PDB file of N, CA and C in Angstrom:
ATOM      1  N   MET A   1      85.403  91.543 130.459  1.00  0.00           N
ATOM      2  CA  MET A   1      85.833  91.773 129.101  1.00  0.00           C
ATOM      3  C   MET A   1      86.465  93.159 128.987  1.00  0.00           C
ATOM      4  N   ILE A   2      87.571  93.222 128.309  1.00  0.00           N
ATOM      5  CA  ILE A   2      88.297  94.480 128.109  1.00  0.00           C
ATOM      6  C   ILE A   2      87.714  95.175 126.864  1.00  0.00           C
ATOM      7  N   ASN A   3      87.428  96.452 127.015  1.00  0.00           N
ATOM      8  CA  ASN A   3      86.974  97.250 125.904  1.00  0.00           C
ATOM      9  C   ASN A   3      88.189  97.906 125.255  1.00  0.00           C
ATOM     10  N   HIS A   4      88.442  97.540 124.025  1.00  0.00           N
ATOM     11  CA  HIS A   4      89.568  98.122 123.310  1.00  0.00           C
ATOM     12  C   HIS A   4      89.089  99.362 122.529  1.00  0.00           C
ATOM     13  N   ILE A   5      90.033 100.235 122.250  1.00  0.00           N
ATOM     14  CA  ILE A   5      89.746 101.441 121.475  1.00  0.00           C
ATOM     15  C   ILE A   5      89.603 101.032 120.012  1.00  0.00           C
ATOM     16  N   PRO A   6      88.482 101.370 119.368  1.00  0.00           N
ATOM     17  CA  PRO A   6      88.384 101.078 117.924  1.00  0.00           C
ATOM     18  C   PRO A   6      89.480 101.827 117.164  1.00  0.00           C
ATOM     19  N   ASP A   7      90.127 101.139 116.237  1.00  0.00           N
ATOM     20  CA  ASP A   7      91.210 101.750 115.469  1.00  0.00           C
ATOM     21  C   ASP A   7      90.807 103.082 114.839  1.00  0.00           C
ATOM     22  N   GLU A   8      89.560 103.153 114.370  1.00  0.00           N
ATOM     23  CA  GLU A   8      89.114 104.369 113.690  1.00  0.00           C
ATOM     24  C   GLU A   8      88.975 105.561 114.626  1.00  0.00           C
ATOM     25  N   HIS A   9      89.036 105.339 115.936  1.00  0.00           N
ATOM     26  CA  HIS A   9      88.933 106.430 116.909  1.00  0.00           C
ATOM     27  C   HIS A   9      90.228 106.612 117.697  1.00  0.00           C
ATOM     28  N   ALA A  10      91.299 105.961 117.277  1.00  0.00           N
ATOM     29  CA  ALA A  10      92.569 106.007 118.005  1.00  0.00           C
ATOM     30  C   ALA A  10      93.370 107.261 117.658  1.00  0.00           C
ATOM     31  N   GLN A  11      93.898 107.897 118.680  1.00  0.00           N
ATOM     32  CA  GLN A  11      94.816 109.003 118.511  1.00  0.00           C
ATOM     33  C   GLN A  11      96.108 108.607 119.250  1.00  0.00           C
ATOM     34  N   VAL A  12      97.204 108.523 118.518  1.00  0.00           N
ATOM     35  CA  VAL A  12      98.485 108.137 119.073  1.00  0.00           C
ATOM     36  C   VAL A  12      99.291 109.415 119.350  1.00  0.00           C
ATOM     37  N   LEU A  13      99.688 109.584 120.587  1.00  0.00           N
ATOM     38  CA  LEU A  13     100.436 110.776 121.027  1.00  0.00           C
ATOM     39  C   LEU A  13     101.787 110.304 121.548  1.00  0.00           C
ATOM     40  N   TRP A  14     102.855 111.023 121.170  1.00  0.00           N
ATOM     41  CA  TRP A  14     104.161 110.608 121.677  1.00  0.00           C
ATOM     42  C   TRP A  14     105.114 111.783 121.772  1.00  0.00           C
ATOM     43  N   ASN A  15     106.129 111.577 122.560  1.00  0.00           N
ATOM     44  CA  ASN A  15     107.229 112.538 122.689  1.00  0.00           C
ATOM     45  C   ASN A  15     108.509 111.854 122.172  1.00  0.00           C
ATOM     46  N   ASP A  16     109.386 112.687 121.672  1.00  0.00           N
ATOM     47  CA  ASP A  16     110.705 112.155 121.269  1.00  0.00           C
ATOM     48  C   ASP A  16     111.782 113.107 121.741  1.00  0.00           C
ATOM     49  N   GLY A  17     112.968 112.535 121.870  1.00  0.00           N
ATOM     50  CA  GLY A  17     114.127 113.314 122.334  1.00  0.00           C
ATOM     51  C   GLY A  17     114.807 113.992 121.164  1.00  0.00           C
ATOM     52  N   GLU A  18     115.876 114.702 121.453  1.00  0.00           N
ATOM     53  CA  GLU A  18     116.659 115.377 120.425  1.00  0.00           C
ATOM     54  C   GLU A  18     117.182 114.433 119.378  1.00  0.00           C
ATOM     55  N   ASP A  19     117.407 113.153 119.786  1.00  0.00           N
ATOM     56  CA  ASP A  19     117.916 112.164 118.852  1.00  0.00           C
ATOM     57  C   ASP A  19     116.814 111.497 118.072  1.00  0.00           C
ATOM     58  N   GLY A  20     115.562 111.916 118.278  1.00  0.00           N
ATOM     59  CA  GLY A  20     114.435 111.377 117.557  1.00  0.00           C
ATOM     60  C   GLY A  20     113.825 110.111 118.170  1.00  0.00           C
ATOM     61  N   LYS A  21     114.446 109.587 119.210  1.00  0.00           N
ATOM     62  CA  LYS A  21     113.931 108.357 119.828  1.00  0.00           C
ATOM     63  C   LYS A  21     112.705 108.655 120.695  1.00  0.00           C
ATOM     64  N   ILE A  22     111.785 107.728 120.693  1.00  0.00           N
ATOM     65  CA  ILE A  22     110.521 107.889 121.465  1.00  0.00           C
ATOM     66  C   ILE A  22     110.864 107.872 122.958  1.00  0.00           C
ATOM     67  N   THR A  23     110.333 108.852 123.686  1.00  0.00           N
ATOM     68  CA  THR A  23     110.554 108.925 125.132  1.00  0.00           C
ATOM     69  C   THR A  23     109.275 108.673 125.924  1.00  0.00           C
ATOM     70  N   GLY A  24     108.119 108.670 125.270  1.00  0.00           N
ATOM     71  CA  GLY A  24     106.858 108.436 125.929  1.00  0.00           C
ATOM     72  C   GLY A  24     105.749 108.359 124.902  1.00  0.00           C
ATOM     73  N   ILE A  25     104.703 107.594 125.200  1.00  0.00           N
ATOM     74  CA  ILE A  25     103.615 107.392 124.242  1.00  0.00           C
ATOM     75  C   ILE A  25     102.311 107.162 125.001  1.00  0.00           C
ATOM     76  N   SER A  26     101.221 107.587 124.398  1.00  0.00           N
ATOM     77  CA  SER A  26      99.890 107.314 124.912  1.00  0.00           C
ATOM     78  C   SER A  26      98.931 107.212 123.746  1.00  0.00           C
ATOM     79  N   ILE A  27      98.014 106.258 123.818  1.00  0.00           N
ATOM     80  CA  ILE A  27      96.977 106.155 122.788  1.00  0.00           C
ATOM     81  C   ILE A  27      95.644 106.382 123.497  1.00  0.00           C
ATOM     82  N   VAL A  28      94.861 107.321 122.930  1.00  0.00           N
ATOM     83  CA  VAL A  28      93.584 107.670 123.529  1.00  0.00           C
ATOM     84  C   VAL A  28      92.450 107.497 122.535  1.00  0.00           C
ATOM     85  N   ASP A  29      91.260 107.371 123.077  1.00  0.00           N
ATOM     86  CA  ASP A  29      90.043 107.297 122.277  1.00  0.00           C
ATOM     87  C   ASP A  29      89.668 108.750 121.936  1.00  0.00           C
ATOM     88  N   TYR A  30      89.746 109.104 120.673  1.00  0.00           N
ATOM     89  CA  TYR A  30      89.514 110.483 120.252  1.00  0.00           C
ATOM     90  C   TYR A  30      88.087 110.918 120.547  1.00  0.00           C
ATOM     91  N   ARG A  31      87.180 109.990 120.735  1.00  0.00           N
ATOM     92  CA  ARG A  31      85.794 110.363 121.031  1.00  0.00           C
ATOM     93  C   ARG A  31      85.632 110.958 122.426  1.00  0.00           C
ATOM     94  N   ASP A  32      86.599 110.673 123.303  1.00  0.00           N
ATOM     95  CA  ASP A  32      86.556 111.182 124.663  1.00  0.00           C
ATOM     96  C   ASP A  32      87.324 112.522 124.721  1.00  0.00           C
ATOM     97  N   ALA A  33      86.612 113.589 124.471  1.00  0.00           N
ATOM     98  CA  ALA A  33      87.207 114.907 124.376  1.00  0.00           C
ATOM     99  C   ALA A  33      87.894 115.322 125.664  1.00  0.00           C
ATOM    100  N   LYS A  34      87.338 114.949 126.797  1.00  0.00           N
ATOM    101  CA  LYS A  34      87.923 115.323 128.092  1.00  0.00           C
ATOM    102  C   LYS A  34      89.322 114.691 128.239  1.00  0.00           C
ATOM    103  N   VAL A  35      89.459 113.425 127.929  1.00  0.00           N
ATOM    104  CA  VAL A  35      90.750 112.742 128.006  1.00  0.00           C
ATOM    105  C   VAL A  35      91.687 113.346 126.980  1.00  0.00           C
ATOM    106  N   GLN A  36      91.204 113.534 125.788  1.00  0.00           N
ATOM    107  CA  GLN A  36      92.026 114.106 124.710  1.00  0.00           C
ATOM    108  C   GLN A  36      92.628 115.447 125.136  1.00  0.00           C
ATOM    109  N   ARG A  37      91.796 116.317 125.642  1.00  0.00           N
ATOM    110  CA  ARG A  37      92.303 117.657 126.043  1.00  0.00           C
ATOM    111  C   ARG A  37      93.270 117.549 127.203  1.00  0.00           C
ATOM    112  N   ARG A  38      92.962 116.656 128.152  1.00  0.00           N
ATOM    113  CA  ARG A  38      93.781 116.553 129.360  1.00  0.00           C
ATOM    114  C   ARG A  38      95.216 116.123 129.072  1.00  0.00           C
ATOM    115  N   ILE A  39      95.380 115.201 128.126  1.00  0.00           N
ATOM    116  CA  ILE A  39      96.744 114.714 127.927  1.00  0.00           C
ATOM    117  C   ILE A  39      97.390 115.247 126.639  1.00  0.00           C
ATOM    118  N   ALA A  40      96.658 115.838 125.744  1.00  0.00           N
ATOM    119  CA  ALA A  40      97.232 116.295 124.468  1.00  0.00           C
ATOM    120  C   ALA A  40      98.381 117.286 124.684  1.00  0.00           C
ATOM    121  N   ASP A  41      98.265 118.105 125.717  1.00  0.00           N
ATOM    122  CA  ASP A  41      99.318 119.102 125.970  1.00  0.00           C
ATOM    123  C   ASP A  41     100.624 118.477 126.490  1.00  0.00           C
ATOM    124  N   LEU A  42     100.550 117.183 126.864  1.00  0.00           N
ATOM    125  CA  LEU A  42     101.740 116.519 127.406  1.00  0.00           C
ATOM    126  C   LEU A  42     102.614 115.912 126.321  1.00  0.00           C
ATOM    127  N   TYR A  43     102.125 115.905 125.073  1.00  0.00           N
ATOM    128  CA  TYR A  43     102.839 115.231 123.985  1.00  0.00           C
ATOM    129  C   TYR A  43     103.108 116.197 122.834  1.00  0.00           C
ATOM    130  N   MET A  44     104.245 115.990 122.182  1.00  0.00           N
ATOM    131  CA  MET A  44     104.677 116.874 121.068  1.00  0.00           C
ATOM    132  C   MET A  44     104.144 116.408 119.741  1.00  0.00           C
ATOM    133  N   ASN A  45     103.896 115.099 119.592  1.00  0.00           N
ATOM    134  CA  ASN A  45     103.535 114.534 118.286  1.00  0.00           C
ATOM    135  C   ASN A  45     102.217 113.763 118.373  1.00  0.00           C
ATOM    136  N   SER A  46     101.521 113.731 117.245  1.00  0.00           N
ATOM    137  CA  SER A  46     100.225 113.086 117.214  1.00  0.00           C
ATOM    138  C   SER A  46      99.946 112.531 115.833  1.00  0.00           C
ATOM    139  N   TYR A  47      99.312 111.368 115.773  1.00  0.00           N
ATOM    140  CA  TYR A  47      98.939 110.767 114.515  1.00  0.00           C
ATOM    141  C   TYR A  47      97.739 109.830 114.807  1.00  0.00           C
ATOM    142  N   GLY A  48      96.817 109.769 113.917  1.00  0.00           N
ATOM    143  CA  GLY A  48      95.671 108.895 114.117  1.00  0.00           C
ATOM    144  C   GLY A  48      94.438 109.408 113.483  1.00  0.00           C
ATOM    145  N   THR A  49      93.327 109.241 114.182  1.00  0.00           N
ATOM    146  CA  THR A  49      92.019 109.511 113.615  1.00  0.00           C
ATOM    147  C   THR A  49      91.854 110.958 113.130  1.00  0.00           C
ATOM    148  N   ASP A  50      92.606 111.915 113.684  1.00  0.00           N
ATOM    149  CA  ASP A  50      92.472 113.295 113.233  1.00  0.00           C
ATOM    150  C   ASP A  50      93.422 113.615 112.060  1.00  0.00           C
ATOM    151  N   THR A  51      94.128 112.586 111.578  1.00  0.00           N
ATOM    152  CA  THR A  51      95.076 112.751 110.460  1.00  0.00           C
ATOM    153  C   THR A  51      94.397 112.331 109.179  1.00  0.00           C
ATOM    154  N   HIS A  52      94.493 113.168 108.157  1.00  0.00           N
ATOM    155  CA  HIS A  52      93.927 112.831 106.841  1.00  0.00           C
ATOM    156  C   HIS A  52      94.474 111.491 106.365  1.00  0.00           C
ATOM    157  N   GLY A  53      93.590 110.583 105.987  1.00  0.00           N
ATOM    158  CA  GLY A  53      94.008 109.310 105.411  1.00  0.00           C
ATOM    159  C   GLY A  53      94.229 108.206 106.424  1.00  0.00           C
ATOM    160  N   TRP A  54      93.909 108.429 107.699  1.00  0.00           N
ATOM    161  CA  TRP A  54      94.047 107.396 108.722  1.00  0.00           C
ATOM    162  C   TRP A  54      93.213 106.176 108.330  1.00  0.00           C
ATOM    163  N   LEU A  55      93.810 105.006 108.409  1.00  0.00           N
ATOM    164  CA  LEU A  55      93.205 103.730 108.062  1.00  0.00           C
ATOM    165  C   LEU A  55      92.908 103.599 106.566  1.00  0.00           C
ATOM    166  N   THR A  56      93.725 104.270 105.770  1.00  0.00           N
ATOM    167  CA  THR A  56      93.643 104.119 104.315  1.00  0.00           C
ATOM    168  C   THR A  56      95.026 103.729 103.795  1.00  0.00           C
ATOM    169  N   ASP A  57      95.162 103.618 102.535  1.00  0.00           N
ATOM    170  CA  ASP A  57      96.455 103.268 101.944  1.00  0.00           C
ATOM    171  C   ASP A  57      97.231 104.525 101.490  1.00  0.00           C
ATOM    172  N   VAL A  58      96.818 105.681 102.019  1.00  0.00           N
ATOM    173  CA  VAL A  58      97.443 106.944 101.607  1.00  0.00           C
ATOM    174  C   VAL A  58      98.943 106.977 101.999  1.00  0.00           C
ATOM    175  N   HIS A  59      99.302 106.310 103.053  1.00  0.00           N
ATOM    176  CA  HIS A  59     100.679 106.341 103.552  1.00  0.00           C
ATOM    177  C   HIS A  59     100.905 105.073 104.384  1.00  0.00           C
ATOM    178  N   PRO A  60     102.105 104.516 104.357  1.00  0.00           N
ATOM    179  CA  PRO A  60     102.363 103.287 105.124  1.00  0.00           C
ATOM    180  C   PRO A  60     102.127 103.426 106.621  1.00  0.00           C
ATOM    181  N   ASN A  61     102.237 104.657 107.141  1.00  0.00           N
ATOM    182  CA  ASN A  61     102.022 104.885 108.585  1.00  0.00           C
ATOM    183  C   ASN A  61     100.545 105.124 108.942  1.00  0.00           C
ATOM    184  N   ALA A  62      99.669 105.048 107.972  1.00  0.00           N
ATOM    185  CA  ALA A  62      98.256 105.442 108.205  1.00  0.00           C
ATOM    186  C   ALA A  62      97.427 104.337 108.812  1.00  0.00           C
ATOM    187  N   ASN A  63      98.049 103.481 109.576  1.00  0.00           N
ATOM    188  CA  ASN A  63      97.364 102.394 110.307  1.00  0.00           C
ATOM    189  C   ASN A  63      98.205 102.033 111.525  1.00  0.00           C
ATOM    190  N   PRO A  64      97.610 101.381 112.520  1.00  0.00           N
ATOM    191  CA  PRO A  64      98.348 101.078 113.744  1.00  0.00           C
ATOM    192  C   PRO A  64      99.622 100.278 113.535  1.00  0.00           C
ATOM    193  N   ALA A  65      99.585  99.223 112.729  1.00  0.00           N
ATOM    194  CA  ALA A  65     100.798  98.403 112.528  1.00  0.00           C
ATOM    195  C   ALA A  65     101.899  99.212 111.853  1.00  0.00           C
ATOM    196  N   GLY A  66     101.551  99.987 110.857  1.00  0.00           N
ATOM    197  CA  GLY A  66     102.565 100.809 110.158  1.00  0.00           C
ATOM    198  C   GLY A  66     103.140 101.886 111.071  1.00  0.00           C
ATOM    199  N   LEU A  67     102.285 102.514 111.881  1.00  0.00           N
ATOM    200  CA  LEU A  67     102.752 103.560 112.775  1.00  0.00           C
ATOM    201  C   LEU A  67     103.654 102.925 113.852  1.00  0.00           C
ATOM    202  N   PHE A  68     103.257 101.774 114.372  1.00  0.00           N
ATOM    203  CA  PHE A  68     104.092 101.089 115.373  1.00  0.00           C
ATOM    204  C   PHE A  68     105.454 100.811 114.783  1.00  0.00           C
ATOM    205  N   ALA A  69     105.497 100.243 113.566  1.00  0.00           N
ATOM    206  CA  ALA A  69     106.782  99.952 112.911  1.00  0.00           C
ATOM    207  C   ALA A  69     107.632 101.187 112.754  1.00  0.00           C
ATOM    208  N   TYR A  70     106.990 102.272 112.313  1.00  0.00           N
ATOM    209  CA  TYR A  70     107.713 103.520 112.146  1.00  0.00           C
ATOM    210  C   TYR A  70     108.321 104.001 113.479  1.00  0.00           C
ATOM    211  N   LEU A  71     107.489 104.021 114.499  1.00  0.00           N
ATOM    212  CA  LEU A  71     107.941 104.537 115.805  1.00  0.00           C
ATOM    213  C   LEU A  71     109.025 103.662 116.434  1.00  0.00           C
ATOM    214  N   VAL A  72     108.776 102.362 116.456  1.00  0.00           N
ATOM    215  CA  VAL A  72     109.668 101.457 117.159  1.00  0.00           C
ATOM    216  C   VAL A  72     110.942 101.136 116.384  1.00  0.00           C
ATOM    217  N   PHE A  73     110.790 100.851 115.089  1.00  0.00           N
ATOM    218  CA  PHE A  73     111.939 100.403 114.313  1.00  0.00           C
ATOM    219  C   PHE A  73     112.705 101.522 113.627  1.00  0.00           C
ATOM    220  N   LEU A  74     111.991 102.515 113.164  1.00  0.00           N
ATOM    221  CA  LEU A  74     112.679 103.605 112.453  1.00  0.00           C
ATOM    222  C   LEU A  74     113.126 104.737 113.398  1.00  0.00           C
ATOM    223  N   CYS A  75     112.235 105.125 114.310  1.00  0.00           N
ATOM    224  CA  CYS A  75     112.620 106.148 115.301  1.00  0.00           C
ATOM    225  C   CYS A  75     113.416 105.520 116.460  1.00  0.00           C
ATOM    226  N   GLY A  76     112.894 104.409 116.969  1.00  0.00           N
ATOM    227  CA  GLY A  76     113.522 103.739 118.123  1.00  0.00           C
ATOM    228  C   GLY A  76     113.011 104.292 119.398  1.00  0.00           C
ATOM    229  N   CYS A  77     113.266 103.593 120.465  1.00  0.00           N
ATOM    230  CA  CYS A  77     112.835 103.985 121.816  1.00  0.00           C
ATOM    231  C   CYS A  77     114.066 104.287 122.631  1.00  0.00           C
ATOM    232  N   ASP A  78     113.942 105.185 123.570  1.00  0.00           N
ATOM    233  CA  ASP A  78     115.087 105.585 124.403  1.00  0.00           C
ATOM    234  C   ASP A  78     115.430 104.562 125.463  1.00  0.00           C
ATOM    235  N   SER A  79     114.520 103.588 125.722  1.00  0.00           N
ATOM    236  CA  SER A  79     114.787 102.581 126.748  1.00  0.00           C
ATOM    237  C   SER A  79     113.893 101.370 126.509  1.00  0.00           C
ATOM    238  N   LYS A  80     114.230 100.295 127.197  1.00  0.00           N
ATOM    239  CA  LYS A  80     113.385  99.098 127.158  1.00  0.00           C
ATOM    240  C   LYS A  80     112.021  99.384 127.757  1.00  0.00           C
ATOM    241  N   ALA A  81     111.983 100.215 128.797  1.00  0.00           N
ATOM    242  CA  ALA A  81     110.722 100.572 129.423  1.00  0.00           C
ATOM    243  C   ALA A  81     109.807 101.310 128.433  1.00  0.00           C
ATOM    244  N   THR A  82     110.390 102.204 127.624  1.00  0.00           N
ATOM    245  CA  THR A  82     109.574 102.910 126.629  1.00  0.00           C
ATOM    246  C   THR A  82     109.093 101.966 125.538  1.00  0.00           C
ATOM    247  N   LEU A  83     109.929 101.010 125.169  1.00  0.00           N
ATOM    248  CA  LEU A  83     109.518 100.021 124.171  1.00  0.00           C
ATOM    249  C   LEU A  83     108.334  99.202 124.712  1.00  0.00           C
ATOM    250  N   MET A  84     108.385  98.812 125.962  1.00  0.00           N
ATOM    251  CA  MET A  84     107.287  98.098 126.595  1.00  0.00           C
ATOM    252  C   MET A  84     106.024  98.963 126.630  1.00  0.00           C
ATOM    253  N   GLU A  85     106.198 100.236 126.929  1.00  0.00           N
ATOM    254  CA  GLU A  85     105.087 101.182 126.941  1.00  0.00           C
ATOM    255  C   GLU A  85     104.432 101.267 125.565  1.00  0.00           C
ATOM    256  N   CYS A  86     105.232 101.279 124.515  1.00  0.00           N
ATOM    257  CA  CYS A  86     104.704 101.314 123.146  1.00  0.00           C
ATOM    258  C   CYS A  86     103.862 100.076 122.854  1.00  0.00           C
ATOM    259  N   VAL A  87     104.359  98.910 123.191  1.00  0.00           N
ATOM    260  CA  VAL A  87     103.607  97.683 122.954  1.00  0.00           C
ATOM    261  C   VAL A  87     102.323  97.696 123.762  1.00  0.00           C
ATOM    262  N   ARG A  88     102.415  98.092 125.039  1.00  0.00           N
ATOM    263  CA  ARG A  88     101.237  98.157 125.918  1.00  0.00           C
ATOM    264  C   ARG A  88     100.180  99.102 125.368  1.00  0.00           C
ATOM    265  N   GLU A  89     100.615 100.259 124.888  1.00  0.00           N
ATOM    266  CA  GLU A  89      99.657 101.228 124.368  1.00  0.00           C
ATOM    267  C   GLU A  89      98.973 100.698 123.064  1.00  0.00           C
ATOM    268  N   PHE A  90      99.731 100.130 122.157  1.00  0.00           N
ATOM    269  CA  PHE A  90      99.128  99.616 120.930  1.00  0.00           C
ATOM    270  C   PHE A  90      98.222  98.429 121.216  1.00  0.00           C
ATOM    271  N   ALA A  91      98.487  97.677 122.307  1.00  0.00           N
ATOM    272  CA  ALA A  91      97.661  96.548 122.694  1.00  0.00           C
ATOM    273  C   ALA A  91      96.263  97.013 123.119  1.00  0.00           C
ATOM    274  N   LYS A  92      96.094  98.299 123.410  1.00  0.00           N
ATOM    275  CA  LYS A  92      94.783  98.841 123.772  1.00  0.00           C
ATOM    276  C   LYS A  92      93.841  98.971 122.584  1.00  0.00           C
ATOM    277  N   LEU A  93      94.396  98.877 121.366  1.00  0.00           N
ATOM    278  CA  LEU A  93      93.597  99.071 120.172  1.00  0.00           C
ATOM    279  C   LEU A  93      92.869  97.789 119.746  1.00  0.00           C
ATOM    280  N   GLU A  94      91.647  97.938 119.318  1.00  0.00           N
ATOM    281  CA  GLU A  94      90.803  96.810 118.931  1.00  0.00           C
ATOM    282  C   GLU A  94      91.445  95.903 117.895  1.00  0.00           C
ATOM    283  N   GLY A  95      92.042  96.477 116.887  1.00  0.00           N
ATOM    284  CA  GLY A  95      92.601  95.685 115.798  1.00  0.00           C
ATOM    285  C   GLY A  95      94.036  95.229 115.983  1.00  0.00           C
ATOM    286  N   CYS A  96      94.573  95.426 117.186  1.00  0.00           N
ATOM    287  CA  CYS A  96      95.991  95.098 117.413  1.00  0.00           C
ATOM    288  C   CYS A  96      96.187  93.857 118.261  1.00  0.00           C
ATOM    289  N   GLU A  97      95.565  92.763 117.823  1.00  0.00           N
ATOM    290  CA  GLU A  97      95.777  91.486 118.482  1.00  0.00           C
ATOM    291  C   GLU A  97      97.275  91.153 118.475  1.00  0.00           C
ATOM    292  N   TRP A  98      97.963  91.520 117.408  1.00  0.00           N
ATOM    293  CA  TRP A  98      99.410  91.267 117.332  1.00  0.00           C
ATOM    294  C   TRP A  98     100.156  91.883 118.494  1.00  0.00           C
ATOM    295  N   ALA A  99      99.748  93.078 118.915  1.00  0.00           N
ATOM    296  CA  ALA A  99     100.405  93.750 120.040  1.00  0.00           C
ATOM    297  C   ALA A  99     100.098  93.050 121.365  1.00  0.00           C
ATOM    298  N   ARG A 100      98.880  92.530 121.480  1.00  0.00           N
ATOM    299  CA  ARG A 100      98.517  91.818 122.695  1.00  0.00           C
ATOM    300  C   ARG A 100      99.287  90.480 122.772  1.00  0.00           C
ATOM    301  N   ARG A 101      99.521  89.830 121.648  1.00  0.00           N
ATOM    302  CA  ARG A 101     100.317  88.599 121.631  1.00  0.00           C
ATOM    303  C   ARG A 101     101.772  88.919 121.996  1.00  0.00           C
ATOM    304  N   MET A 102     102.293  90.003 121.447  1.00  0.00           N
ATOM    305  CA  MET A 102     103.673  90.416 121.790  1.00  0.00           C
ATOM    306  C   MET A 102     103.773  90.716 123.277  1.00  0.00           C
ATOM    307  N   LEU A 103     102.797  91.455 123.795  1.00  0.00           N
ATOM    308  CA  LEU A 103     102.805  91.822 125.197  1.00  0.00           C
ATOM    309  C   LEU A 103     102.783  90.581 126.123  1.00  0.00           C
ATOM    310  N   ALA A 104     101.966  89.599 125.754  1.00  0.00           N
ATOM    311  CA  ALA A 104     101.889  88.363 126.535  1.00  0.00           C
ATOM    312  C   ALA A 104     103.267  87.706 126.650  1.00  0.00           C
ATOM    313  N   VAL A 105     104.001  87.686 125.572  1.00  0.00           N
ATOM    314  CA  VAL A 105     105.338  87.100 125.569  1.00  0.00           C
ATOM    315  C   VAL A 105     106.292  87.947 126.392  1.00  0.00           C
ATOM    316  N   LEU A 106     106.251  89.269 126.180  1.00  0.00           N
ATOM    317  CA  LEU A 106     107.183  90.168 126.862  1.00  0.00           C
ATOM    318  C   LEU A 106     106.942  90.229 128.376  1.00  0.00           C
ATOM    319  N   GLU A 107     105.692  90.039 128.802  1.00  0.00           N
ATOM    320  CA  GLU A 107     105.402  90.138 130.234  1.00  0.00           C
ATOM    321  C   GLU A 107     105.428  88.798 130.942  1.00  0.00           C
ATOM    322  N   ARG A 108     105.692  87.713 130.168  1.00  0.00           N
ATOM    323  CA  ARG A 108     105.743  86.397 130.762  1.00  0.00           C
ATOM    324  C   ARG A 108     106.967  86.295 131.656  1.00  0.00           C
ATOM    325  N   PRO A 109     106.781  85.779 132.868  1.00  0.00           N
ATOM    326  CA  PRO A 109     107.950  85.585 133.763  1.00  0.00           C
ATOM    327  C   PRO A 109     108.935  84.646 133.111  1.00  0.00           C
ATOM    328  N   SER A 110     110.212  84.951 133.334  1.00  0.00           N
ATOM    329  CA  SER A 110     111.297  84.115 132.764  1.00  0.00           C
ATOM    330  C   SER A 110     111.393  82.788 133.453  1.00  0.00           C
TER     331      SER A 110
END
C-alpha cells in the first residue's frame, strides 16, 4: 500500500523561469523537517501547509486542485517532462485521486 501525503501536511515547492513557466516541482510532507530543510533551498516558490488559509476558501489556490490548475494552466510548464512531473507530484497527495487517474492515462503505453 502506498502512503500518500495528507493534504493538510503538503508543501508544494517549485521553480519557474524568467517567462514564469514551471521548470521543476516537488511536494513534500511538511512534518518531515529533515526532508523539508534538505530540498527547500532548491526551490524559489512555496505554497501549502505553511501558507495562511491552506485548505480553506480564502483563495482559489488554497487547495491542491486549485494550485495545480494555477501552476499548470495559468503559469504553464516549460516542457512535457515538467508537466508529467507536476502530475506525478500531485499524485503523491492523499486527496488527489484525480491526479493519480490522470497519471495512469498519461503513463499508459500507446
